[in-house]
Protein backbone atom coordinates (compact mmCIF):
# COMPACT_ATOMS: atom_id res chain seq x y z
CA MET A 1 -0.38 0.01 -0.12
CA ILE A 2 1.41 3.42 -0.81
CA PHE A 3 0.73 6.30 0.93
CA ASN A 4 -0.64 8.47 -2.61
CA SER A 5 -3.26 6.00 -2.74
CA LEU A 6 -7.17 5.85 -2.18
CA ALA A 7 -6.74 2.64 0.00
CA PHE A 8 -4.77 4.26 2.30
CA PHE A 9 -6.79 7.16 2.85
CA VAL A 10 -9.35 4.82 3.74
CA PHE A 11 -7.05 2.19 5.93
CA ILE A 12 -5.78 5.19 8.02
CA ALA A 13 -9.76 7.03 8.14
CA LEU A 14 -10.45 3.57 9.88
CA PHE A 15 -7.14 2.74 11.56
CA PHE A 16 -6.89 6.07 13.71
CA PRO A 17 -10.19 5.79 15.61
CA ILE A 18 -9.90 2.63 16.68
CA TYR A 19 -6.33 3.07 17.46
CA PHE A 20 -6.90 6.14 19.78
CA ALA A 21 -9.78 3.75 21.12
CA LEU A 22 -7.69 1.36 22.45
CA LYS A 23 -5.49 0.94 25.02
CA GLY A 24 -2.23 -1.36 25.96
CA ARG A 25 -1.66 -4.58 24.06
CA ASN A 26 -4.72 -3.97 22.65
CA ARG A 27 -3.42 -1.18 20.48
CA LEU A 28 -0.20 -2.84 19.95
CA TRP A 29 -2.06 -5.51 18.55
CA LEU A 30 -3.85 -2.97 16.44
CA CYS A 31 -0.32 -1.50 15.00
CA LEU A 32 0.49 -5.08 14.38
CA ALA A 33 -2.01 -6.16 12.48
CA GLY A 34 -2.44 -2.79 10.85
CA SER A 35 0.79 -3.11 9.65
CA TYR A 36 1.02 -6.32 8.30
CA PHE A 37 -2.12 -5.65 6.59
CA PHE A 38 -0.24 -2.41 5.13
CA TYR A 39 2.53 -4.61 4.08
CA GLY A 40 0.82 -7.01 2.65
CA TRP A 41 -1.65 -5.14 0.39
CA TRP A 42 0.92 -5.14 -1.95
CA ASP A 43 1.85 -9.02 -1.89
CA TRP A 44 0.94 -11.13 1.06
CA ARG A 45 3.03 -13.65 0.05
CA PHE A 46 6.20 -11.54 1.28
CA LEU A 47 5.11 -10.82 4.79
CA SER A 48 6.71 -14.50 5.59
CA LEU A 49 10.26 -12.32 4.83
CA ILE A 50 9.40 -9.68 7.89
CA ILE A 51 8.04 -12.46 9.80
CA THR A 52 11.35 -14.84 9.78
CA SER A 53 13.45 -11.87 10.02
CA THR A 54 11.47 -10.64 13.68
CA LEU A 55 11.41 -14.18 15.20
CA VAL A 56 15.31 -14.75 14.34
CA ASP A 57 15.92 -11.42 15.67
CA TYR A 58 13.55 -11.57 18.95
CA TYR A 59 15.18 -14.78 19.59
CA VAL A 60 18.86 -14.02 19.01
CA GLY A 61 17.98 -10.91 21.33
CA LEU A 62 16.86 -13.29 24.11
CA SER A 63 19.41 -15.57 23.78
CA LEU A 64 22.25 -12.94 23.99
CA ASP A 65 20.97 -11.63 26.58
CA ASN A 66 20.91 -15.22 28.19
CA THR A 67 24.84 -16.03 27.86
CA ASP A 68 28.16 -14.09 28.37
CA GLU A 69 30.28 -17.03 26.33
CA LYS A 70 31.93 -14.60 23.79
CA PRO A 71 32.09 -17.36 21.58
CA LYS A 72 28.09 -18.10 21.93
CA ARG A 73 27.34 -14.18 21.74
CA LYS A 74 29.41 -14.08 18.22
CA GLN A 75 27.60 -16.91 16.83
CA LEU A 76 24.29 -15.69 17.67
CA LEU A 77 25.04 -12.80 15.84
CA ILE A 78 26.16 -14.15 12.88
CA ALA A 79 23.43 -16.21 12.93
CA SER A 80 20.78 -12.64 12.48
CA ILE A 81 23.13 -11.50 10.09
CA ILE A 82 23.53 -14.62 7.74
CA VAL A 83 19.25 -14.65 8.02
CA ASN A 84 18.77 -10.94 7.35
CA LEU A 85 21.74 -10.07 4.65
CA GLY A 86 20.31 -13.90 3.22
CA PHE A 87 17.16 -12.91 2.10
CA LEU A 88 18.33 -9.36 0.79
CA ALA A 89 21.56 -11.00 -1.18
CA PHE A 90 18.88 -13.54 -2.59
CA PHE A 91 15.96 -11.12 -3.36
CA LYS A 92 17.81 -7.78 -3.92
CA TYR A 93 21.69 -9.50 -5.74
CA PHE A 94 21.24 -12.62 -6.54
CA ASN A 95 20.74 -12.15 -10.29
CA PHE A 96 23.26 -8.52 -9.90
CA PHE A 97 26.14 -11.28 -9.20
CA THR A 98 25.07 -14.08 -11.48
CA ASP A 99 24.91 -11.49 -14.46
CA SER A 100 28.10 -9.53 -13.40
CA PHE A 101 29.83 -13.13 -13.36
CA ALA A 102 28.35 -14.31 -16.19
CA LEU A 103 30.05 -10.98 -18.16
CA LEU A 104 33.04 -11.82 -16.30
CA ALA A 105 33.72 -15.02 -17.58
CA GLY A 106 32.20 -14.31 -21.20
CA SER A 107 35.02 -11.73 -21.84
CA MET A 108 37.17 -14.42 -20.70
CA GLY A 109 35.97 -17.13 -23.39
CA TRP A 110 33.57 -19.43 -20.95
CA ASP A 111 29.82 -19.46 -20.83
CA PRO A 112 28.71 -20.62 -17.93
CA GLY A 113 25.17 -21.04 -19.17
CA TRP A 114 22.66 -20.26 -16.49
CA ASN A 115 19.73 -18.35 -16.68
CA THR A 116 18.94 -15.45 -14.56
CA LEU A 117 15.82 -16.20 -12.38
CA ASN A 118 12.69 -14.06 -12.24
CA ILE A 119 12.85 -12.59 -9.01
CA ILE A 120 10.66 -9.96 -7.13
CA LEU A 121 11.96 -7.35 -4.95
CA PRO A 122 10.09 -7.50 -1.63
CA VAL A 123 9.15 -3.41 -0.92
CA GLY A 124 11.33 -1.94 1.96
CA ILE A 125 13.21 -4.84 2.44
CA SER A 126 16.71 -2.96 2.65
CA PHE A 127 14.70 -0.82 5.43
CA TYR A 128 13.58 -3.34 8.03
CA THR A 129 16.19 -5.39 7.18
CA PHE A 130 18.57 -2.38 8.39
CA GLN A 131 16.42 -1.58 11.03
CA SER A 132 16.51 -5.24 12.49
CA MET A 133 19.93 -5.83 12.13
CA SER A 134 20.81 -2.44 14.31
CA TYR A 135 18.73 -4.27 17.14
CA THR A 136 20.80 -7.77 17.39
CA ILE A 137 23.70 -5.59 16.74
CA ASP A 138 23.41 -3.06 19.89
CA VAL A 139 22.15 -6.02 22.33
CA TYR A 140 25.16 -7.95 21.29
CA ASN A 141 27.34 -5.06 21.87
CA LYS A 142 25.50 -4.34 24.99
CA LYS A 143 24.41 -0.85 24.27
CA ILE A 144 20.55 -1.38 24.68
CA PRO A 145 18.82 -3.93 26.69
CA VAL A 146 17.27 -6.93 25.26
CA GLU A 147 13.50 -6.84 24.71
CA SER A 148 11.07 -9.23 26.13
CA SER A 149 8.30 -8.54 24.63
CA PHE A 150 7.42 -10.30 21.30
CA LEU A 151 4.44 -8.32 20.39
CA ARG A 152 6.73 -4.83 21.22
CA PHE A 153 9.27 -5.89 19.19
CA ALA A 154 7.32 -7.52 16.28
CA THR A 155 5.50 -3.75 16.01
CA TYR A 156 8.97 -2.06 15.85
CA ILE A 157 9.83 -4.10 13.33
CA SER A 158 7.03 -3.38 11.21
CA PHE A 159 5.39 -0.09 12.46
CA PHE A 160 3.55 0.89 9.01
CA PRO A 161 4.60 4.01 8.55
CA GLN A 162 7.93 3.67 8.00
CA LEU A 163 8.20 0.52 7.10
CA VAL A 164 8.75 -0.02 3.37
CA ALA A 165 11.19 3.56 3.00
CA GLY A 166 12.68 4.79 6.32
CA PRO A 167 13.56 6.51 8.06
CA ILE A 168 15.34 4.04 9.35
CA VAL A 169 14.11 3.85 13.34
CA ARG A 170 17.05 2.90 16.17
CA ALA A 171 15.75 0.37 18.64
CA ARG A 172 17.31 2.43 21.43
CA GLU A 173 15.04 5.28 20.00
CA PHE A 174 11.92 3.61 19.08
CA LEU A 175 11.50 0.45 21.46
CA PRO A 176 11.03 2.60 25.16
CA GLN A 177 7.85 4.58 23.49
CA PHE A 178 6.31 1.69 23.25
CA GLN A 179 6.15 1.25 26.96
CA ALA A 180 3.70 3.85 27.42
CA ASP A 181 0.49 4.30 26.18
CA LYS A 182 0.31 7.78 24.18
CA ASN A 183 -2.66 9.44 24.79
CA PHE A 184 -4.60 11.82 21.48
CA GLU A 185 -2.55 15.28 21.56
CA TRP A 186 -4.23 18.46 19.85
CA ASN A 187 -0.98 19.94 19.19
CA ARG A 188 0.53 16.30 17.71
CA LEU A 189 -2.30 16.31 15.63
CA ILE A 190 -1.65 19.59 14.41
CA SER A 191 2.11 19.57 13.84
CA GLY A 192 1.65 15.64 12.30
CA SER A 193 -0.91 16.87 10.02
CA GLY A 194 0.91 20.09 8.58
CA GLN A 195 4.07 17.35 7.69
CA VAL A 196 1.88 14.93 6.14
CA LEU A 197 0.49 17.83 3.81
CA TRP A 198 3.84 18.84 2.91
CA GLY A 199 5.04 15.23 2.21
CA PHE A 200 1.85 15.23 0.16
CA PHE A 201 2.95 18.43 -1.29
CA LYS A 202 6.45 17.33 -2.07
CA LYS A 203 5.45 14.31 -3.12
CA VAL A 204 2.55 14.61 -5.76
CA ALA A 205 2.89 18.07 -6.49
CA ILE A 206 6.30 18.38 -7.13
CA ALA A 207 8.06 15.24 -7.46
CA ASP A 208 5.39 13.70 -9.77
CA SER A 209 5.14 17.35 -11.74
CA LEU A 210 9.01 17.15 -12.70
CA ALA A 211 9.06 13.28 -13.37
CA PRO A 212 7.82 12.93 -17.01
CA PHE A 213 10.06 16.03 -18.06
CA VAL A 214 13.06 13.66 -16.24
CA ASP A 215 12.09 9.99 -17.16
CA GLN A 216 12.06 12.09 -21.11
CA CYS A 217 15.81 13.59 -20.90
CA PHE A 218 16.72 9.66 -19.78
CA MET A 219 15.00 8.01 -22.02
CA ALA A 220 16.53 8.95 -25.12
CA PRO A 221 19.25 11.57 -23.98
CA GLU A 222 21.04 11.76 -27.66
CA GLY A 223 18.14 13.63 -28.73
CA PHE A 224 18.28 16.27 -26.47
CA SER A 225 19.86 19.63 -26.27
CA GLY A 226 22.38 20.25 -24.25
CA ILE A 227 20.38 22.95 -21.99
CA HIS A 228 17.37 20.50 -21.96
CA LEU A 229 19.38 17.53 -20.27
CA THR A 230 20.50 20.36 -17.82
CA ILE A 231 17.32 21.20 -16.94
CA GLY A 232 16.39 17.43 -16.70
CA VAL A 233 19.35 16.72 -14.28
CA ILE A 234 18.40 19.83 -12.03
CA PHE A 235 14.93 18.41 -12.01
CA TYR A 236 15.39 15.03 -10.69
CA SER A 237 17.70 16.34 -8.03
CA PHE A 238 15.01 17.90 -7.02
CA GLN A 239 12.27 14.97 -8.11
CA ILE A 240 14.68 11.92 -5.73
CA TYR A 241 14.62 15.07 -3.02
CA CYS A 242 11.05 15.66 -2.87
CA ASP A 243 10.07 12.47 -3.67
CA PHE A 244 11.91 10.64 -0.81
CA SER A 245 11.74 13.55 1.79
CA GLY A 246 7.96 13.55 0.57
CA TYR A 247 7.72 9.42 1.99
CA SER A 248 9.89 10.69 5.26
CA ASP A 249 7.46 13.64 6.26
CA ILE A 250 4.74 11.81 5.95
CA ALA A 251 5.81 8.67 7.72
CA ILE A 252 7.22 11.20 10.38
CA GLY A 253 3.96 12.95 10.67
CA LEU A 254 1.71 9.89 10.44
CA ALA A 255 4.02 8.64 13.70
CA ARG A 256 3.91 12.08 15.22
CA ILE A 257 -0.49 11.78 15.10
CA MET A 258 -0.05 8.70 16.94
CA GLY A 259 2.30 9.78 19.77
CA PHE A 260 5.58 8.49 18.32
CA ASP A 261 8.77 10.67 17.81
CA PHE A 262 11.24 9.77 14.77
CA PRO A 263 14.19 11.17 13.65
CA ASP A 264 14.71 13.48 10.60
CA ASN A 265 15.50 12.47 7.55
CA PHE A 266 16.34 15.36 5.44
CA ARG A 267 17.45 18.73 6.46
CA THR A 268 17.56 21.47 3.52
CA PRO A 269 20.51 18.52 2.13
CA TYR A 270 20.87 21.05 -1.08
CA PHE A 271 22.34 24.00 1.39
CA SER A 272 25.44 21.57 2.06
CA LYS A 273 28.58 23.48 2.36
CA ASP A 274 30.84 20.44 1.79
CA PHE A 275 29.84 17.15 1.39
CA SER A 276 30.53 15.83 4.90
CA GLU A 277 27.93 17.87 5.85
CA PHE A 278 25.69 17.14 2.76
CA TRP A 279 25.66 13.55 4.11
CA LYS A 280 24.32 14.76 7.87
CA ARG A 281 21.60 16.36 5.94
CA TRP A 282 20.64 13.76 3.17
CA HIS A 283 18.88 10.53 4.33
CA ILE A 284 20.47 11.28 7.78
CA THR A 285 19.19 7.98 9.49
CA LEU A 286 20.71 5.49 6.71
CA SER A 287 24.24 7.89 6.87
CA SER A 288 24.08 7.22 10.53
CA TRP A 289 23.32 3.83 10.09
CA LEU A 290 26.39 3.44 7.88
CA GLN A 291 28.80 5.23 10.26
CA ASP A 292 27.69 3.24 13.05
CA TYR A 293 27.73 -0.49 12.04
CA LEU A 294 30.26 -0.04 8.61
CA TYR A 295 32.38 2.79 9.14
CA ILE A 296 32.97 2.79 12.20
CA PRO A 297 33.73 -1.06 12.63
CA LEU A 298 36.25 -1.11 9.84
CA GLY A 299 38.45 1.17 12.12
CA GLY A 300 36.81 4.91 10.83
CA ASN A 301 39.53 7.58 11.17
CA ARG A 302 41.64 5.77 13.96
CA ASN A 303 44.26 3.73 12.23
CA GLY A 304 46.16 6.88 9.88
CA THR A 305 45.14 8.83 6.66
CA PHE A 306 45.35 5.82 4.51
CA MET A 307 43.06 3.61 6.15
CA THR A 308 40.45 6.33 6.94
CA TYR A 309 40.07 7.04 3.00
CA ARG A 310 39.70 3.10 2.73
CA ASN A 311 37.03 3.35 4.97
CA LEU A 312 35.33 6.44 3.69
CA MET A 313 35.50 4.50 -0.05
CA LEU A 314 34.16 0.84 1.22
CA THR A 315 31.72 2.41 3.19
CA MET A 316 30.05 5.00 0.19
CA LEU A 317 30.66 1.86 -2.16
CA LEU A 318 28.60 -0.28 -0.09
CA GLY A 319 25.93 3.03 0.74
CA GLY A 320 25.69 3.02 -3.63
CA LEU A 321 25.16 -1.00 -3.76
CA TRP A 322 22.64 -0.66 -0.89
CA HIS A 323 20.63 1.73 -3.43
CA GLY A 324 20.61 -0.92 -5.87
CA ALA A 325 21.72 -4.20 -7.99
CA SER A 326 23.69 -2.64 -10.66
CA TRP A 327 27.29 -0.98 -11.20
CA VAL A 328 25.99 2.84 -11.98
CA PHE A 329 24.92 2.55 -7.98
CA VAL A 330 28.39 1.44 -6.95
CA PHE A 331 29.72 4.15 -8.97
CA TRP A 332 27.57 6.87 -7.68
CA GLY A 333 28.83 5.54 -4.37
CA PHE A 334 32.46 5.17 -5.71
CA LEU A 335 32.04 9.23 -6.93
CA HIS A 336 30.56 10.33 -3.24
CA GLY A 337 33.21 8.28 -1.97
CA SER A 338 35.69 9.96 -3.97
CA TYR A 339 34.48 13.62 -2.96
CA LEU A 340 34.51 12.87 0.56
CA VAL A 341 38.36 12.29 0.52
CA ILE A 342 38.98 14.94 -2.01
CA GLN A 343 37.23 17.17 0.55
CA ARG A 344 39.84 15.70 3.29
CA LEU A 345 42.54 16.03 1.37
CA PHE A 346 42.02 19.71 -0.30
CA GLY A 347 39.20 21.35 1.66
CA ASN A 348 41.60 23.24 3.98
CA LYS A 349 43.23 24.09 0.75
CA PHE A 350 40.29 25.64 -1.18
CA GLY A 351 39.17 27.56 2.15
CA ILE A 352 42.66 29.23 2.00
CA LEU A 353 42.11 29.82 -1.72
CA LEU A 354 38.86 31.86 -1.11
CA ASN A 355 40.38 33.98 1.88
CA TYR A 356 43.42 34.71 -0.54
CA LEU A 357 41.05 36.14 -2.80
CA HIS A 358 39.09 38.39 -0.12
CA LEU A 359 35.40 37.30 -1.18
CA PRO A 360 32.87 38.38 0.95
CA LYS A 361 31.92 34.69 3.21
CA THR A 362 28.23 35.23 2.06
CA LEU A 363 29.72 34.85 -1.44
CA GLN A 364 32.42 32.14 0.02
CA ILE A 365 29.19 29.54 1.62
CA GLY A 366 27.27 30.60 -1.60
CA ILE A 367 30.35 29.05 -3.99
CA ASN A 368 30.41 26.28 -1.60
CA ILE A 369 26.71 25.33 -1.81
CA PHE A 370 26.59 25.82 -5.55
CA LEU A 371 29.96 23.64 -6.44
CA VAL A 372 27.88 20.76 -3.70
CA TYR A 373 25.56 20.66 -5.74
CA ILE A 374 27.01 20.71 -9.25
CA PHE A 375 29.08 17.57 -7.88
CA THR A 376 26.18 15.79 -6.27
CA CYS A 377 24.42 16.59 -9.69
CA LEU A 378 26.99 15.02 -11.41
CA ALA A 379 26.38 12.04 -9.13
CA TRP A 380 22.91 11.81 -9.45
CA ILE A 381 22.83 11.42 -13.14
CA PHE A 382 24.55 7.71 -12.94
CA PHE A 383 22.20 6.93 -9.88
CA ARG A 384 19.22 7.64 -12.13
CA SER A 385 20.87 6.34 -15.22
CA PRO A 386 19.82 2.76 -16.54
CA ASP A 387 23.38 2.43 -17.31
CA PHE A 388 26.60 3.80 -17.97
CA GLU A 389 26.10 4.16 -21.82
CA THR A 390 23.01 6.25 -20.95
CA ALA A 391 24.66 8.38 -18.40
CA VAL A 392 27.73 9.45 -20.84
CA HIS A 393 25.16 10.68 -23.11
CA VAL A 394 23.60 12.87 -20.70
CA ILE A 395 27.18 14.06 -19.65
CA THR A 396 28.52 14.32 -23.24
CA GLY A 397 24.93 15.91 -24.17
CA ILE A 398 25.37 18.28 -21.28
CA ALA A 399 28.94 19.30 -22.52
CA ASN A 400 27.99 20.67 -25.55
CA PHE A 401 27.49 24.45 -25.08
CA GLN A 402 26.33 24.76 -28.49
CA THR A 403 23.14 23.79 -27.90
CA PHE A 404 22.41 25.85 -24.70
CA THR A 405 19.85 27.57 -26.57
CA VAL A 406 16.36 28.20 -25.11
CA ALA A 407 14.65 27.59 -28.57
CA SER A 408 15.89 23.65 -27.70
CA ILE A 409 13.99 23.60 -25.17
CA VAL A 410 11.06 20.62 -25.41
CA ASN A 411 7.91 21.55 -23.61
CA LYS A 412 8.42 24.85 -21.96
CA PHE A 413 5.49 24.82 -19.75
CA LEU A 414 6.73 21.94 -17.55
CA VAL A 415 10.06 23.59 -17.57
CA LEU A 416 8.29 26.92 -16.08
CA LYS A 417 6.34 24.85 -13.97
CA GLY A 418 9.07 23.14 -12.47
CA PHE A 419 11.05 25.65 -11.77
CA LEU A 420 8.20 27.58 -9.97
CA LEU A 421 7.71 24.76 -7.86
CA ILE A 422 11.24 24.52 -7.04
CA GLY A 423 11.34 28.13 -5.94
CA LEU A 424 8.45 28.01 -3.70
CA LEU A 425 10.23 24.44 -2.18
CA LEU A 426 13.08 26.81 -1.09
CA THR A 427 11.25 29.86 -0.36
CA ILE A 428 9.41 27.52 2.41
CA GLU A 429 12.71 25.62 3.48
CA ILE A 430 14.36 29.09 4.29
CA ALA A 431 11.59 30.18 5.71
CA ASP A 432 11.04 27.43 8.26
CA PHE A 433 14.99 27.27 8.77
CA ASN A 434 14.73 31.55 10.01
CA PHE A 435 11.34 31.32 11.76
CA ASP A 436 10.55 27.39 12.62
CA LEU A 437 7.28 27.06 10.75
CA ASN A 438 6.37 24.34 12.95
CA THR A 439 6.03 26.31 15.96
CA ILE A 440 4.06 28.70 14.51
CA LEU A 441 1.86 26.46 13.16
CA ILE A 442 1.06 25.35 16.91
CA LYS A 443 0.59 28.55 18.35
CA ASN A 444 -1.24 30.72 15.75
CA PRO A 445 -4.46 29.05 14.52
CA VAL A 446 -4.85 31.75 12.00
CA PHE A 447 -1.32 30.97 10.25
CA ARG A 448 -2.47 26.90 10.73
CA VAL A 449 -5.73 27.42 8.55
CA VAL A 450 -4.06 29.60 6.19
CA SER A 451 -1.05 27.23 5.79
CA PHE A 452 -3.06 24.19 5.64
CA ALA A 453 -5.56 25.70 3.04
CA ALA A 454 -2.80 26.92 0.91
CA ILE A 455 -0.84 23.53 1.08
CA ILE A 456 -4.02 21.81 -0.07
CA TRP A 457 -4.79 24.49 -2.82
CA LEU A 458 -1.31 23.83 -3.98
CA ILE A 459 -1.90 19.64 -4.22
CA ALA A 460 -5.10 20.40 -5.57
CA LEU A 461 -3.38 22.80 -8.47
CA PHE A 462 -0.18 20.81 -9.13
CA GLY A 463 -0.64 17.74 -8.33
CA THR A 464 -0.80 14.04 -9.71
CA PHE A 465 -2.66 12.01 -8.46
CA ASP A 466 -2.05 8.56 -10.49
CA SER A 467 -0.50 6.87 -7.34
CA ASN A 468 3.23 6.61 -8.78
CA ALA A 469 4.95 4.74 -6.74
CA PHE A 470 7.39 6.28 -4.71
CA ILE A 471 11.17 6.24 -5.78
CA TYR A 472 12.48 4.26 -3.02
CA PHE A 473 10.36 1.48 -2.54
CA GLN A 474 13.05 0.24 -5.48
CA PHE A 475 15.38 0.08 -3.00
């Protein structure tokens, strides 16, 4: 079930009144049943995967709590990782690795002679797998107490607002919130509803409005001018941002209405002044997960400069592979790993150069933001392209400056509409950064009514209501 569908609105209209009418374990049972129904609506067969992961990690957690023997604890942790990553490896990466091996073998004159399997990728498997694994790893490292209640643990793993596309919520953040019933609060309803509406605006009004132009560019880039392709890449950078952050906003808002607090997943990432800051603002829960469970265990920055660069690169390469079973995603991760390494090597020197030129501080910040955005867009080209050939066509097309004429832009109305929506998005984000619109929303009834009415009107005016799936469902 996806948020921008009629089925979801019917589901929520029935779920919320019953949720607040129930108390204690009955409310948790409703959350669990509702979450399984929400996930099973897409394909009920894959409920077996999430239930299996839940059972394995629940009993691994209990077993870890019952022993202090290091070899046994390590075996239990390995068992949890094998089950979780085994599901992920088979459903998401089996064909990728077999195809890659067959291609490599073919280049050496050997035909392995096998066929790819027709494997369907379960929605959200990357998200709930990482969420479940973080629990067993933290219990193993004795960073959190074991959860004795299977009902609470199962609800934590399958909680429907963030089940299929995040944010990835740690057990230490979420499980304690199940200890007591959450009473209905008017302020939470206002704040949560505002964030839900804002998420829908970003998804159906901005992301889905930009999508046709972007799809056109990446479907046949050789047929468009450099300026048309440049606009397509810019639009994609905002399409994926609004699509993914829109889902996160809806998930966070729904959870807030229910009485739960989720961590932020995006904080105006395109205003980042360097790439380290970008990854503290973009997909924050995944970035922090990779840092805590991959980068730091690899050694982080503790073993010298070379090892730090190696760990950064490995983390970003695996982060790219996490996004999709394709070499273009791996290369996207390689580019971001390279950006982080280059930043560590030359970032200070670039800052010294800007200071030497005696540029105003505001202009220096603007230059940094612009450069980070440009190189982020370069990486997005590979992320969006179905293969390297398409990405090369897009880049070479953009590099042809002779075709940068307004007359060569196809469908100028879509371009004007797209930039209008992007400008509106950035204006509101800057206003929110400076004035904390959420606080004003709660305290000022007039502002609240006007804001809600304006967002609903904008959704109705610019929205695309054909239930387009969220981009991150494919990951």
